[in-house]
Amino acid sequence: MTESLHGLYVLTDPDLISDTELTTRVRQAIEGGATAVQYRDKRAGYGDRLEHARALRTVTQDLGALLIINDDPQLAVDADADGIHLGRDDPDIARARSIVKQRIIGVSCYNEFERAVSAERAGADYVAFGSFYPTRTKSGTVVATPDLLRRAKRQLRVPVVAIGGITPENGAPLIAAGADALAVVSAVFAGNDPRKAAEEFKKTLQVGPTS
């Protein structure tokens, strides 16, 4: 399934999307071109998150997109999601793998190339670097550079995701540097039309990697 991890990878944010609009706005983003969705909500209780994740699973299956769950391996299993995404403070890869089995495991590597190497060795299916640009959705982010993407594409075998303040206007250099996917939050969900916002990334994503 990691072959499908490319293009536009959207992340949900409860500050930008109300519970009642979640499935509608995610559907619009996929219709606009998103190929993967990460469900991320650190505030809701497990029951509510499971309900939302299962609803998103229906949408992503209908439209042929991947559903990745942030932080919670058991939620990924219970919602029958395609995978899980782990950050620095989440369960380690071995623990997550024992729960999610053959599902995708992605790992945030910030601006740390050696963390990505270790993640790949431990069985991660993709790695994510960032933040490449200033972002409104997370505070205290580190700064990553396109050179990190170039190095990752030379030395790693797993797909590489770029995240952090990415827009249709600034994303092309990251694709050119080797990013397989651009992970975005505000650029798609902060406005009123996720479908149109996602469509605006099409030209950005058509840029091929440079040697």
N, C-alpha and C. Protein backbone atom coordinates (compact mmCIF):
# COMPACT_ATOMS: atom_id res chain seq x y z
N MET A 1 0.80 -1.21 0.00
CA MET A 1 0.00 0.00 0.00
C MET A 1 0.83 1.26 0.00
N THR A 2 2.11 1.14 0.38
CA THR A 2 2.92 2.36 0.40
C THR A 2 3.13 2.92 -0.99
N GLU A 3 2.89 2.09 -2.04
CA GLU A 3 2.96 2.64 -3.39
C GLU A 3 1.93 3.75 -3.58
N SER A 4 0.85 3.68 -2.80
CA SER A 4 -0.20 4.69 -2.90
C SER A 4 0.13 5.95 -2.12
N LEU A 5 1.19 5.89 -1.33
CA LEU A 5 1.56 7.05 -0.51
C LEU A 5 2.37 8.02 -1.38
N HIS A 6 1.65 8.85 -2.07
CA HIS A 6 2.27 9.83 -2.95
C HIS A 6 1.29 10.98 -3.14
N GLY A 7 1.79 12.09 -3.61
CA GLY A 7 0.90 13.20 -3.92
C GLY A 7 0.50 14.00 -2.70
N LEU A 8 -0.79 14.28 -2.59
CA LEU A 8 -1.31 15.14 -1.53
C LEU A 8 -1.83 14.31 -0.36
N TYR A 9 -1.26 14.55 0.81
CA TYR A 9 -1.55 13.81 2.04
C TYR A 9 -2.12 14.83 3.02
N VAL A 10 -3.42 14.78 3.29
CA VAL A 10 -4.05 15.79 4.14
C VAL A 10 -4.22 15.28 5.56
N LEU A 11 -4.06 16.20 6.52
CA LEU A 11 -4.21 15.89 7.93
C LEU A 11 -5.38 16.68 8.49
N THR A 12 -6.24 16.01 9.24
CA THR A 12 -7.36 16.72 9.85
C THR A 12 -6.91 17.46 11.10
N ASP A 13 -7.67 18.47 11.46
CA ASP A 13 -7.37 19.28 12.64
C ASP A 13 -8.70 19.73 13.23
N PRO A 14 -9.01 19.35 14.48
CA PRO A 14 -10.30 19.74 15.05
C PRO A 14 -10.48 21.24 15.21
N ASP A 15 -9.39 22.00 15.17
CA ASP A 15 -9.52 23.46 15.22
C ASP A 15 -10.01 24.03 13.89
N LEU A 16 -9.85 23.26 12.82
CA LEU A 16 -10.24 23.73 11.49
C LEU A 16 -11.49 23.04 10.96
N ILE A 17 -11.80 21.86 11.50
CA ILE A 17 -12.93 21.08 10.99
C ILE A 17 -13.79 20.64 12.18
N SER A 18 -15.03 21.03 12.19
CA SER A 18 -15.93 20.58 13.25
C SER A 18 -16.28 19.10 13.05
N ASP A 19 -16.71 18.48 14.12
CA ASP A 19 -17.09 17.06 14.03
C ASP A 19 -18.18 16.83 13.00
N THR A 20 -19.12 17.75 12.91
CA THR A 20 -20.24 17.56 11.99
C THR A 20 -19.83 17.72 10.53
N GLU A 21 -18.72 18.40 10.29
CA GLU A 21 -18.27 18.63 8.92
C GLU A 21 -17.12 17.71 8.51
N LEU A 22 -16.65 16.88 9.42
CA LEU A 22 -15.42 16.12 9.18
C LEU A 22 -15.48 15.28 7.92
N THR A 23 -16.47 14.43 7.80
CA THR A 23 -16.51 13.53 6.63
C THR A 23 -16.75 14.31 5.34
N THR A 24 -17.57 15.35 5.41
CA THR A 24 -17.85 16.13 4.21
C THR A 24 -16.60 16.82 3.69
N ARG A 25 -15.85 17.44 4.59
CA ARG A 25 -14.67 18.18 4.16
C ARG A 25 -13.54 17.25 3.74
N VAL A 26 -13.43 16.12 4.38
CA VAL A 26 -12.43 15.14 3.93
C VAL A 26 -12.81 14.58 2.57
N ARG A 27 -14.07 14.29 2.38
CA ARG A 27 -14.51 13.81 1.06
C ARG A 27 -14.18 14.84 -0.02
N GLN A 28 -14.43 16.10 0.25
CA GLN A 28 -14.14 17.15 -0.72
C GLN A 28 -12.64 17.19 -1.04
N ALA A 29 -11.81 17.05 -0.01
CA ALA A 29 -10.36 17.08 -0.24
C ALA A 29 -9.91 15.92 -1.12
N ILE A 30 -10.47 14.75 -0.89
CA ILE A 30 -10.11 13.59 -1.72
C ILE A 30 -10.61 13.80 -3.15
N GLU A 31 -11.81 14.30 -3.29
CA GLU A 31 -12.33 14.57 -4.63
C GLU A 31 -11.46 15.59 -5.35
N GLY A 32 -10.81 16.47 -4.60
CA GLY A 32 -9.92 17.45 -5.21
C GLY A 32 -8.54 16.92 -5.53
N GLY A 33 -8.23 15.71 -5.04
CA GLY A 33 -6.94 15.11 -5.40
C GLY A 33 -6.14 14.51 -4.27
N ALA A 34 -6.57 14.64 -3.02
CA ALA A 34 -5.83 14.03 -1.91
C ALA A 34 -5.84 12.51 -2.04
N THR A 35 -4.70 11.89 -1.84
CA THR A 35 -4.58 10.44 -1.95
C THR A 35 -4.47 9.74 -0.61
N ALA A 36 -4.22 10.50 0.46
CA ALA A 36 -4.13 9.94 1.81
C ALA A 36 -4.66 10.95 2.80
N VAL A 37 -5.25 10.43 3.87
CA VAL A 37 -5.82 11.26 4.92
C VAL A 37 -5.29 10.76 6.26
N GLN A 38 -4.79 11.67 7.07
CA GLN A 38 -4.43 11.31 8.45
C GLN A 38 -5.45 11.92 9.40
N TYR A 39 -6.09 11.05 10.17
CA TYR A 39 -7.04 11.52 11.18
C TYR A 39 -6.28 11.83 12.46
N ARG A 40 -6.34 13.09 12.87
CA ARG A 40 -5.60 13.54 14.04
C ARG A 40 -6.50 14.37 14.94
N ASP A 41 -6.73 13.85 16.15
CA ASP A 41 -7.53 14.56 17.15
C ASP A 41 -7.04 14.10 18.52
N LYS A 42 -6.31 14.96 19.21
CA LYS A 42 -5.73 14.61 20.49
C LYS A 42 -6.63 14.98 21.67
N ARG A 43 -7.82 15.51 21.39
CA ARG A 43 -8.67 16.00 22.47
C ARG A 43 -9.87 15.11 22.74
N ALA A 44 -10.43 14.50 21.73
CA ALA A 44 -11.66 13.72 21.89
C ALA A 44 -11.38 12.41 22.61
N GLY A 45 -12.40 11.87 23.25
CA GLY A 45 -12.29 10.57 23.89
C GLY A 45 -12.24 9.45 22.86
N TYR A 46 -11.89 8.25 23.35
CA TYR A 46 -11.69 7.14 22.42
C TYR A 46 -12.96 6.82 21.63
N GLY A 47 -14.10 6.83 22.31
CA GLY A 47 -15.34 6.48 21.62
C GLY A 47 -15.65 7.42 20.47
N ASP A 48 -15.47 8.71 20.71
CA ASP A 48 -15.72 9.69 19.65
C ASP A 48 -14.71 9.54 18.51
N ARG A 49 -13.45 9.34 18.87
CA ARG A 49 -12.44 9.17 17.83
C ARG A 49 -12.69 7.92 17.00
N LEU A 50 -13.14 6.87 17.64
CA LEU A 50 -13.44 5.65 16.88
C LEU A 50 -14.61 5.88 15.93
N GLU A 51 -15.63 6.57 16.39
CA GLU A 51 -16.77 6.88 15.52
C GLU A 51 -16.32 7.70 14.32
N HIS A 52 -15.49 8.72 14.57
CA HIS A 52 -15.03 9.57 13.47
C HIS A 52 -14.12 8.79 12.52
N ALA A 53 -13.23 7.99 13.08
CA ALA A 53 -12.31 7.23 12.23
C ALA A 53 -13.05 6.24 11.36
N ARG A 54 -14.05 5.60 11.90
CA ARG A 54 -14.83 4.65 11.09
C ARG A 54 -15.60 5.36 9.99
N ALA A 55 -16.10 6.54 10.29
CA ALA A 55 -16.78 7.31 9.26
C ALA A 55 -15.80 7.70 8.15
N LEU A 56 -14.60 8.09 8.53
CA LEU A 56 -13.59 8.43 7.53
C LEU A 56 -13.15 7.19 6.75
N ARG A 57 -13.13 6.04 7.40
CA ARG A 57 -12.78 4.81 6.70
C ARG A 57 -13.76 4.55 5.56
N THR A 58 -15.03 4.80 5.79
CA THR A 58 -16.03 4.63 4.74
C THR A 58 -15.77 5.57 3.58
N VAL A 59 -15.46 6.82 3.90
CA VAL A 59 -15.20 7.81 2.86
C VAL A 59 -13.95 7.44 2.06
N THR A 60 -12.87 7.10 2.74
CA THR A 60 -11.62 6.80 2.03
C THR A 60 -11.75 5.54 1.20
N GLN A 61 -12.47 4.55 1.68
CA GLN A 61 -12.68 3.34 0.89
C GLN A 61 -13.52 3.65 -0.34
N ASP A 62 -14.54 4.47 -0.18
CA ASP A 62 -15.40 4.83 -1.32
C ASP A 62 -14.60 5.51 -2.43
N LEU A 63 -13.61 6.32 -2.03
CA LEU A 63 -12.90 7.16 -3.00
C LEU A 63 -11.47 6.69 -3.28
N GLY A 64 -11.06 5.59 -2.69
CA GLY A 64 -9.76 5.01 -3.01
C GLY A 64 -8.58 5.72 -2.42
N ALA A 65 -8.75 6.34 -1.24
CA ALA A 65 -7.64 7.00 -0.56
C ALA A 65 -7.22 6.19 0.66
N LEU A 66 -6.00 6.41 1.13
CA LEU A 66 -5.52 5.77 2.35
C LEU A 66 -6.02 6.53 3.57
N LEU A 67 -6.29 5.77 4.65
CA LEU A 67 -6.60 6.39 5.93
C LEU A 67 -5.52 6.00 6.93
N ILE A 68 -4.85 7.01 7.46
CA ILE A 68 -3.80 6.83 8.46
C ILE A 68 -4.29 7.45 9.77
N ILE A 69 -4.07 6.77 10.87
CA ILE A 69 -4.47 7.26 12.19
C ILE A 69 -3.25 7.81 12.91
N ASN A 70 -3.39 8.99 13.50
CA ASN A 70 -2.30 9.59 14.25
C ASN A 70 -2.22 9.00 15.66
N ASP A 71 -1.04 8.58 16.04
CA ASP A 71 -0.69 8.26 17.43
C ASP A 71 -1.17 6.91 17.98
N ASP A 72 -2.34 6.44 17.60
CA ASP A 72 -3.01 5.37 18.35
C ASP A 72 -3.12 4.08 17.54
N PRO A 73 -2.21 3.13 17.75
CA PRO A 73 -2.26 1.87 16.99
C PRO A 73 -3.56 1.11 17.15
N GLN A 74 -4.10 1.07 18.37
CA GLN A 74 -5.33 0.31 18.58
C GLN A 74 -6.50 0.93 17.83
N LEU A 75 -6.54 2.25 17.78
CA LEU A 75 -7.59 2.92 17.02
C LEU A 75 -7.49 2.57 15.54
N ALA A 76 -6.27 2.49 15.04
CA ALA A 76 -6.09 2.11 13.63
C ALA A 76 -6.67 0.73 13.36
N VAL A 77 -6.46 -0.19 14.28
CA VAL A 77 -7.00 -1.55 14.12
C VAL A 77 -8.52 -1.53 14.23
N ASP A 78 -9.04 -0.88 15.26
CA ASP A 78 -10.48 -0.90 15.51
C ASP A 78 -11.26 -0.21 14.40
N ALA A 79 -10.64 0.78 13.75
CA ALA A 79 -11.31 1.50 12.66
C ALA A 79 -11.02 0.87 11.30
N ASP A 80 -10.20 -0.18 11.28
CA ASP A 80 -9.78 -0.83 10.04
C ASP A 80 -9.10 0.16 9.09
N ALA A 81 -8.28 1.03 9.68
CA ALA A 81 -7.54 2.00 8.88
C ALA A 81 -6.39 1.32 8.15
N ASP A 82 -5.81 2.05 7.19
CA ASP A 82 -4.68 1.50 6.43
C ASP A 82 -3.37 1.56 7.20
N GLY A 83 -3.30 2.47 8.20
CA GLY A 83 -2.03 2.57 8.90
C GLY A 83 -2.07 3.52 10.07
N ILE A 84 -0.90 3.74 10.63
CA ILE A 84 -0.69 4.54 11.82
C ILE A 84 0.50 5.47 11.59
N HIS A 85 0.43 6.66 12.21
CA HIS A 85 1.57 7.57 12.14
C HIS A 85 2.06 7.85 13.56
N LEU A 86 3.36 7.72 13.76
CA LEU A 86 3.96 7.83 15.09
C LEU A 86 4.89 9.03 15.18
N GLY A 87 4.78 9.75 16.29
CA GLY A 87 5.70 10.83 16.59
C GLY A 87 6.68 10.44 17.67
N ARG A 88 7.42 11.40 18.15
CA ARG A 88 8.48 11.13 19.12
C ARG A 88 7.95 10.55 20.43
N ASP A 89 6.77 10.97 20.86
CA ASP A 89 6.24 10.56 22.15
C ASP A 89 5.23 9.41 22.06
N ASP A 90 5.11 8.81 20.89
CA ASP A 90 4.15 7.72 20.69
C ASP A 90 4.82 6.37 20.91
N PRO A 91 4.05 5.28 20.87
CA PRO A 91 4.65 3.95 21.00
C PRO A 91 5.76 3.73 19.97
N ASP A 92 6.77 2.94 20.34
CA ASP A 92 7.84 2.70 19.37
C ASP A 92 7.35 1.79 18.26
N ILE A 93 8.14 1.67 17.21
CA ILE A 93 7.71 0.94 16.02
C ILE A 93 7.42 -0.52 16.34
N ALA A 94 8.27 -1.15 17.14
CA ALA A 94 8.06 -2.56 17.46
C ALA A 94 6.74 -2.78 18.18
N ARG A 95 6.44 -1.92 19.15
CA ARG A 95 5.17 -2.02 19.87
C ARG A 95 4.01 -1.79 18.94
N ALA A 96 4.10 -0.75 18.11
CA ALA A 96 3.02 -0.47 17.17
C ALA A 96 2.83 -1.61 16.19
N ARG A 97 3.92 -2.19 15.70
CA ARG A 97 3.82 -3.29 14.74
C ARG A 97 3.13 -4.50 15.34
N SER A 98 3.36 -4.74 16.63
CA SER A 98 2.71 -5.88 17.28
C SER A 98 1.20 -5.72 17.33
N ILE A 99 0.74 -4.47 17.24
CA ILE A 99 -0.70 -4.19 17.28
C ILE A 99 -1.29 -4.10 15.88
N VAL A 100 -0.65 -3.33 15.01
CA VAL A 100 -1.25 -3.06 13.69
C VAL A 100 -0.92 -4.12 12.64
N LYS A 101 0.03 -5.01 12.96
CA LYS A 101 0.40 -6.10 12.05
C LYS A 101 0.90 -5.55 10.72
N GLN A 102 0.22 -5.87 9.63
CA GLN A 102 0.71 -5.52 8.29
C GLN A 102 0.31 -4.12 7.83
N ARG A 103 -0.36 -3.37 8.67
CA ARG A 103 -0.74 -2.02 8.27
C ARG A 103 0.49 -1.11 8.14
N ILE A 104 0.31 -0.01 7.43
CA ILE A 104 1.37 0.96 7.22
C ILE A 104 1.76 1.61 8.55
N ILE A 105 3.06 1.80 8.76
CA ILE A 105 3.55 2.59 9.87
C ILE A 105 4.41 3.72 9.32
N GLY A 106 4.00 4.95 9.61
CA GLY A 106 4.80 6.12 9.26
C GLY A 106 5.38 6.75 10.51
N VAL A 107 6.51 7.42 10.36
CA VAL A 107 7.21 7.97 11.52
C VAL A 107 7.65 9.41 11.23
N SER A 108 7.37 10.31 12.18
CA SER A 108 7.87 11.68 12.09
C SER A 108 9.35 11.69 12.44
N CYS A 109 10.15 12.28 11.57
CA CYS A 109 11.60 12.33 11.79
C CYS A 109 12.11 13.76 11.91
N TYR A 110 11.19 14.73 11.85
CA TYR A 110 11.54 16.13 12.09
C TYR A 110 12.66 16.56 11.13
N ASN A 111 13.82 16.96 11.64
CA ASN A 111 14.95 17.27 10.75
C ASN A 111 16.12 16.33 11.03
N GLU A 112 15.81 15.12 11.49
CA GLU A 112 16.83 14.17 11.95
C GLU A 112 16.97 12.99 10.98
N PHE A 113 17.99 13.05 10.14
CA PHE A 113 18.16 11.98 9.16
C PHE A 113 18.42 10.64 9.83
N GLU A 114 19.22 10.61 10.88
CA GLU A 114 19.52 9.34 11.54
C GLU A 114 18.28 8.72 12.17
N ARG A 115 17.35 9.54 12.60
CA ARG A 115 16.09 9.00 13.10
C ARG A 115 15.35 8.28 11.97
N ALA A 116 15.41 8.83 10.77
CA ALA A 116 14.77 8.18 9.63
C ALA A 116 15.45 6.86 9.29
N VAL A 117 16.77 6.83 9.35
CA VAL A 117 17.51 5.59 9.09
C VAL A 117 17.10 4.53 10.11
N SER A 118 17.05 4.92 11.38
CA SER A 118 16.66 3.97 12.43
C SER A 118 15.22 3.51 12.26
N ALA A 119 14.35 4.43 11.84
CA ALA A 119 12.95 4.06 11.64
C ALA A 119 12.81 3.04 10.51
N GLU A 120 13.52 3.27 9.42
CA GLU A 120 13.46 2.32 8.32
C GLU A 120 13.96 0.95 8.76
N ARG A 121 15.06 0.92 9.48
CA ARG A 121 15.61 -0.35 9.96
C ARG A 121 14.64 -1.07 10.89
N ALA A 122 13.87 -0.29 11.65
CA ALA A 122 12.93 -0.87 12.61
C ALA A 122 11.62 -1.30 11.96
N GLY A 123 11.47 -1.00 10.67
CA GLY A 123 10.28 -1.46 9.96
C GLY A 123 9.29 -0.41 9.56
N ALA A 124 9.64 0.87 9.64
CA ALA A 124 8.73 1.92 9.19
C ALA A 124 8.50 1.80 7.69
N ASP A 125 7.28 2.12 7.28
CA ASP A 125 6.91 2.04 5.86
C ASP A 125 7.05 3.38 5.14
N TYR A 126 7.09 4.46 5.88
CA TYR A 126 7.42 5.77 5.31
C TYR A 126 7.94 6.65 6.43
N VAL A 127 8.66 7.70 6.05
CA VAL A 127 9.17 8.67 7.02
C VAL A 127 8.73 10.06 6.60
N ALA A 128 8.58 10.94 7.58
CA ALA A 128 8.16 12.31 7.31
C ALA A 128 9.15 13.29 7.92
N PHE A 129 9.50 14.31 7.16
CA PHE A 129 10.40 15.36 7.63
C PHE A 129 9.67 16.70 7.64
N GLY A 130 10.08 17.59 8.54
CA GLY A 130 9.52 18.93 8.59
C GLY A 130 9.82 19.56 9.95
N SER A 131 9.59 20.82 10.04
CA SER A 131 8.76 21.65 9.21
C SER A 131 9.63 22.39 8.17
N PHE A 132 9.16 22.40 6.93
CA PHE A 132 9.91 23.07 5.88
C PHE A 132 9.63 24.56 5.81
N TYR A 133 8.45 24.97 6.25
CA TYR A 133 8.08 26.37 6.26
C TYR A 133 7.35 26.66 7.58
N PRO A 134 7.23 27.92 7.95
CA PRO A 134 6.47 28.24 9.17
C PRO A 134 5.05 27.69 9.09
N THR A 135 4.57 27.18 10.22
CA THR A 135 3.26 26.56 10.24
C THR A 135 2.44 27.09 11.40
N ARG A 136 1.12 27.19 11.17
CA ARG A 136 0.22 27.69 12.21
C ARG A 136 -0.33 26.56 13.07
N THR A 137 -0.17 25.32 12.65
CA THR A 137 -0.85 24.23 13.34
C THR A 137 -0.02 23.58 14.44
N LYS A 138 1.28 23.85 14.48
CA LYS A 138 2.11 23.30 15.55
C LYS A 138 3.11 24.34 16.01
N SER A 139 3.30 24.42 17.32
CA SER A 139 4.28 25.34 17.86
C SER A 139 5.57 24.59 18.16
N GLY A 140 6.67 25.32 18.20
CA GLY A 140 7.95 24.72 18.57
C GLY A 140 8.51 23.75 17.54
N THR A 141 8.15 23.92 16.29
CA THR A 141 8.64 23.01 15.27
C THR A 141 10.10 23.30 14.92
N VAL A 142 10.80 22.26 14.48
CA VAL A 142 12.16 22.43 14.01
C VAL A 142 12.14 22.76 12.52
N VAL A 143 13.28 23.15 11.98
CA VAL A 143 13.36 23.53 10.57
C VAL A 143 14.08 22.44 9.79
N ALA A 144 13.43 21.96 8.74
CA ALA A 144 14.04 21.00 7.82
C ALA A 144 14.32 21.68 6.49
N THR A 145 15.25 21.12 5.72
CA THR A 145 15.64 21.72 4.44
C THR A 145 15.48 20.73 3.30
N PRO A 146 15.36 21.22 2.08
CA PRO A 146 15.27 20.31 0.93
C PRO A 146 16.45 19.36 0.81
N ASP A 147 17.63 19.76 1.29
CA ASP A 147 18.78 18.85 1.24
C ASP A 147 18.52 17.56 2.01
N LEU A 148 17.73 17.65 3.05
CA LEU A 148 17.35 16.46 3.81
C LEU A 148 16.54 15.50 2.95
N LEU A 149 15.65 16.04 2.13
CA LEU A 149 14.87 15.20 1.22
C LEU A 149 15.77 14.54 0.18
N ARG A 150 16.73 15.30 -0.35
CA ARG A 150 17.64 14.73 -1.35
C ARG A 150 18.44 13.58 -0.76
N ARG A 151 18.92 13.77 0.45
CA ARG A 151 19.69 12.71 1.10
C ARG A 151 18.82 11.49 1.36
N ALA A 152 17.59 11.72 1.80
CA ALA A 152 16.68 10.62 2.08
C ALA A 152 16.38 9.81 0.82
N LYS A 153 16.18 10.49 -0.29
CA LYS A 153 15.88 9.78 -1.53
C LYS A 153 17.08 8.99 -2.03
N ARG A 154 18.28 9.45 -1.73
CA ARG A 154 19.48 8.71 -2.13
C ARG A 154 19.71 7.48 -1.26
N GLN A 155 19.40 7.58 0.02
CA GLN A 155 19.84 6.55 0.96
C GLN A 155 18.74 5.69 1.56
N LEU A 156 17.50 6.12 1.46
CA LEU A 156 16.40 5.34 2.01
C LEU A 156 15.59 4.67 0.91
N ARG A 157 14.91 3.62 1.27
CA ARG A 157 14.08 2.90 0.30
C ARG A 157 12.58 3.17 0.48
N VAL A 158 12.21 3.77 1.60
CA VAL A 158 10.80 4.00 1.88
C VAL A 158 10.37 5.37 1.36
N PRO A 159 9.06 5.54 1.12
CA PRO A 159 8.57 6.85 0.70
C PRO A 159 8.89 7.95 1.72
N VAL A 160 9.07 9.16 1.20
CA VAL A 160 9.45 10.31 2.03
C VAL A 160 8.35 11.37 1.91
N VAL A 161 7.89 11.84 3.08
CA VAL A 161 6.83 12.83 3.14
C VAL A 161 7.39 14.14 3.69
N ALA A 162 7.00 15.25 3.08
CA ALA A 162 7.37 16.58 3.58
C ALA A 162 6.16 17.23 4.22
N ILE A 163 6.38 17.92 5.35
CA ILE A 163 5.27 18.55 6.07
C ILE A 163 5.73 19.88 6.66
N GLY A 164 4.77 20.77 6.87
CA GLY A 164 5.06 22.01 7.57
C GLY A 164 4.92 23.25 6.73
N GLY A 165 3.76 23.91 6.82
CA GLY A 165 3.57 25.18 6.14
C GLY A 165 3.54 25.10 4.63
N ILE A 166 3.25 23.93 4.08
CA ILE A 166 3.33 23.74 2.62
C ILE A 166 2.05 24.25 1.95
N THR A 167 2.25 24.95 0.84
CA THR A 167 1.15 25.49 0.04
C THR A 167 1.40 25.14 -1.43
N PRO A 168 0.42 25.37 -2.30
CA PRO A 168 0.66 25.14 -3.73
C PRO A 168 1.80 26.01 -4.27
N GLU A 169 2.03 27.15 -3.64
CA GLU A 169 3.05 28.08 -4.13
C GLU A 169 4.46 27.68 -3.71
N ASN A 170 4.61 27.01 -2.57
CA ASN A 170 5.96 26.70 -2.10
C ASN A 170 6.31 25.21 -2.10
N GLY A 171 5.38 24.38 -2.55
CA GLY A 171 5.60 22.94 -2.47
C GLY A 171 6.47 22.35 -3.56
N ALA A 172 6.53 22.98 -4.72
CA ALA A 172 7.25 22.40 -5.85
C ALA A 172 8.71 22.09 -5.56
N PRO A 173 9.47 22.97 -4.87
CA PRO A 173 10.87 22.63 -4.58
C PRO A 173 11.02 21.38 -3.73
N LEU A 174 10.03 21.06 -2.92
CA LEU A 174 10.11 19.87 -2.09
C LEU A 174 9.89 18.61 -2.92
N ILE A 175 8.98 18.68 -3.87
CA ILE A 175 8.80 17.56 -4.80
C ILE A 175 10.06 17.39 -5.64
N ALA A 176 10.62 18.51 -6.11
CA ALA A 176 11.84 18.45 -6.92
C ALA A 176 13.00 17.85 -6.13
N ALA A 177 13.01 18.09 -4.82
CA ALA A 177 14.09 17.57 -3.98
C ALA A 177 13.90 16.10 -3.63
N GLY A 178 12.71 15.55 -3.92
CA GLY A 178 12.52 14.12 -3.72
C GLY A 178 11.36 13.71 -2.86
N ALA A 179 10.56 14.64 -2.35
CA ALA A 179 9.41 14.26 -1.55
C ALA A 179 8.42 13.47 -2.40
N ASP A 180 7.97 12.35 -1.88
CA ASP A 180 6.95 11.55 -2.56
C ASP A 180 5.55 12.10 -2.29
N ALA A 181 5.37 12.73 -1.14
CA ALA A 181 4.07 13.28 -0.78
C ALA A 181 4.27 14.58 -0.01
N LEU A 182 3.28 15.46 -0.16
CA LEU A 182 3.24 16.70 0.61
C LEU A 182 2.10 16.59 1.61
N ALA A 183 2.42 16.69 2.89
CA ALA A 183 1.42 16.61 3.94
C ALA A 183 1.00 18.01 4.34
N VAL A 184 -0.30 18.27 4.29
CA VAL A 184 -0.79 19.62 4.52
C VAL A 184 -2.02 19.60 5.43
N VAL A 185 -2.19 20.68 6.15
CA VAL A 185 -3.36 20.86 7.01
C VAL A 185 -4.08 22.14 6.58
N SER A 186 -3.53 23.28 6.95
CA SER A 186 -4.21 24.56 6.73
C SER A 186 -4.43 24.86 5.26
N ALA A 187 -3.48 24.50 4.41
CA ALA A 187 -3.60 24.86 2.99
C ALA A 187 -4.82 24.24 2.34
N VAL A 188 -5.35 23.17 2.93
CA VAL A 188 -6.57 22.54 2.39
C VAL A 188 -7.78 22.82 3.27
N PHE A 189 -7.61 22.79 4.59
CA PHE A 189 -8.77 22.82 5.47
C PHE A 189 -9.06 24.17 6.13
N ALA A 190 -8.17 25.13 6.00
CA ALA A 190 -8.43 26.42 6.65
C ALA A 190 -9.50 27.23 5.92
N GLY A 191 -9.66 26.99 4.64
CA GLY A 191 -10.64 27.73 3.85
C GLY A 191 -11.98 27.04 3.78
N ASN A 192 -12.85 27.56 2.94
CA ASN A 192 -14.22 27.06 2.84
C ASN A 192 -14.41 25.99 1.77
N ASP A 193 -13.39 25.75 0.95
CA ASP A 193 -13.56 24.84 -0.18
C ASP A 193 -12.37 23.87 -0.27
N PRO A 194 -12.37 22.79 0.52
CA PRO A 194 -11.26 21.85 0.48
C PRO A 194 -11.03 21.23 -0.89
N ARG A 195 -12.09 21.04 -1.66
CA ARG A 195 -11.93 20.45 -2.99
C ARG A 195 -11.08 21.35 -3.89
N LYS A 196 -11.43 22.61 -3.93
CA LYS A 196 -10.67 23.55 -4.75
C LYS A 196 -9.25 23.70 -4.23
N ALA A 197 -9.10 23.75 -2.91
CA ALA A 197 -7.76 23.90 -2.32
C ALA A 197 -6.88 22.71 -2.69
N ALA A 198 -7.45 21.51 -2.65
CA ALA A 198 -6.68 20.33 -3.02
C ALA A 198 -6.33 20.34 -4.50
N GLU A 199 -7.26 20.78 -5.32
CA GLU A 199 -7.00 20.85 -6.76
C GLU A 199 -5.85 21.78 -7.09
N GLU A 200 -5.65 22.81 -6.28
CA GLU A 200 -4.59 23.77 -6.54
C GLU A 200 -3.19 23.17 -6.37
N PHE A 201 -3.10 22.01 -5.75
CA PHE A 201 -1.81 21.35 -5.59
C PHE A 201 -1.41 20.52 -6.83
N LYS A 202 -2.31 20.37 -7.80
CA LYS A 202 -2.03 19.46 -8.91
C LYS A 202 -0.78 19.85 -9.69
N LYS A 203 -0.64 21.11 -10.05
CA LYS A 203 0.54 21.54 -10.79
C LYS A 203 1.80 21.39 -9.94
N THR A 204 1.68 21.69 -8.66
CA THR A 204 2.81 21.55 -7.75
C THR A 204 3.32 20.12 -7.74
N LEU A 205 2.40 19.18 -7.72
CA LEU A 205 2.76 17.77 -7.61
C LEU A 205 3.26 17.17 -8.92
N GLN A 206 3.08 17.88 -10.02
CA GLN A 206 3.54 17.38 -11.30
C GLN A 206 5.03 17.62 -11.52
N VAL A 207 5.64 18.37 -10.62
CA VAL A 207 7.08 18.62 -10.73
C VAL A 207 7.83 17.33 -10.43
N GLY A 208 8.73 16.94 -11.30
CA GLY A 208 9.49 15.73 -11.08
C GLY A 208 10.73 15.97 -10.23
N PRO A 209 11.24 14.91 -9.57
CA PRO A 209 12.45 15.08 -8.78
C PRO A 209 13.64 15.41 -9.65
N THR A 210 14.54 16.20 -9.13
CA THR A 210 15.76 16.53 -9.85
C THR A 210 16.90 15.68 -9.30
N SER A 211 17.91 15.47 -10.12
CA SER A 211 19.02 14.63 -9.69
C SER A 211 19.97 15.40 -8.80
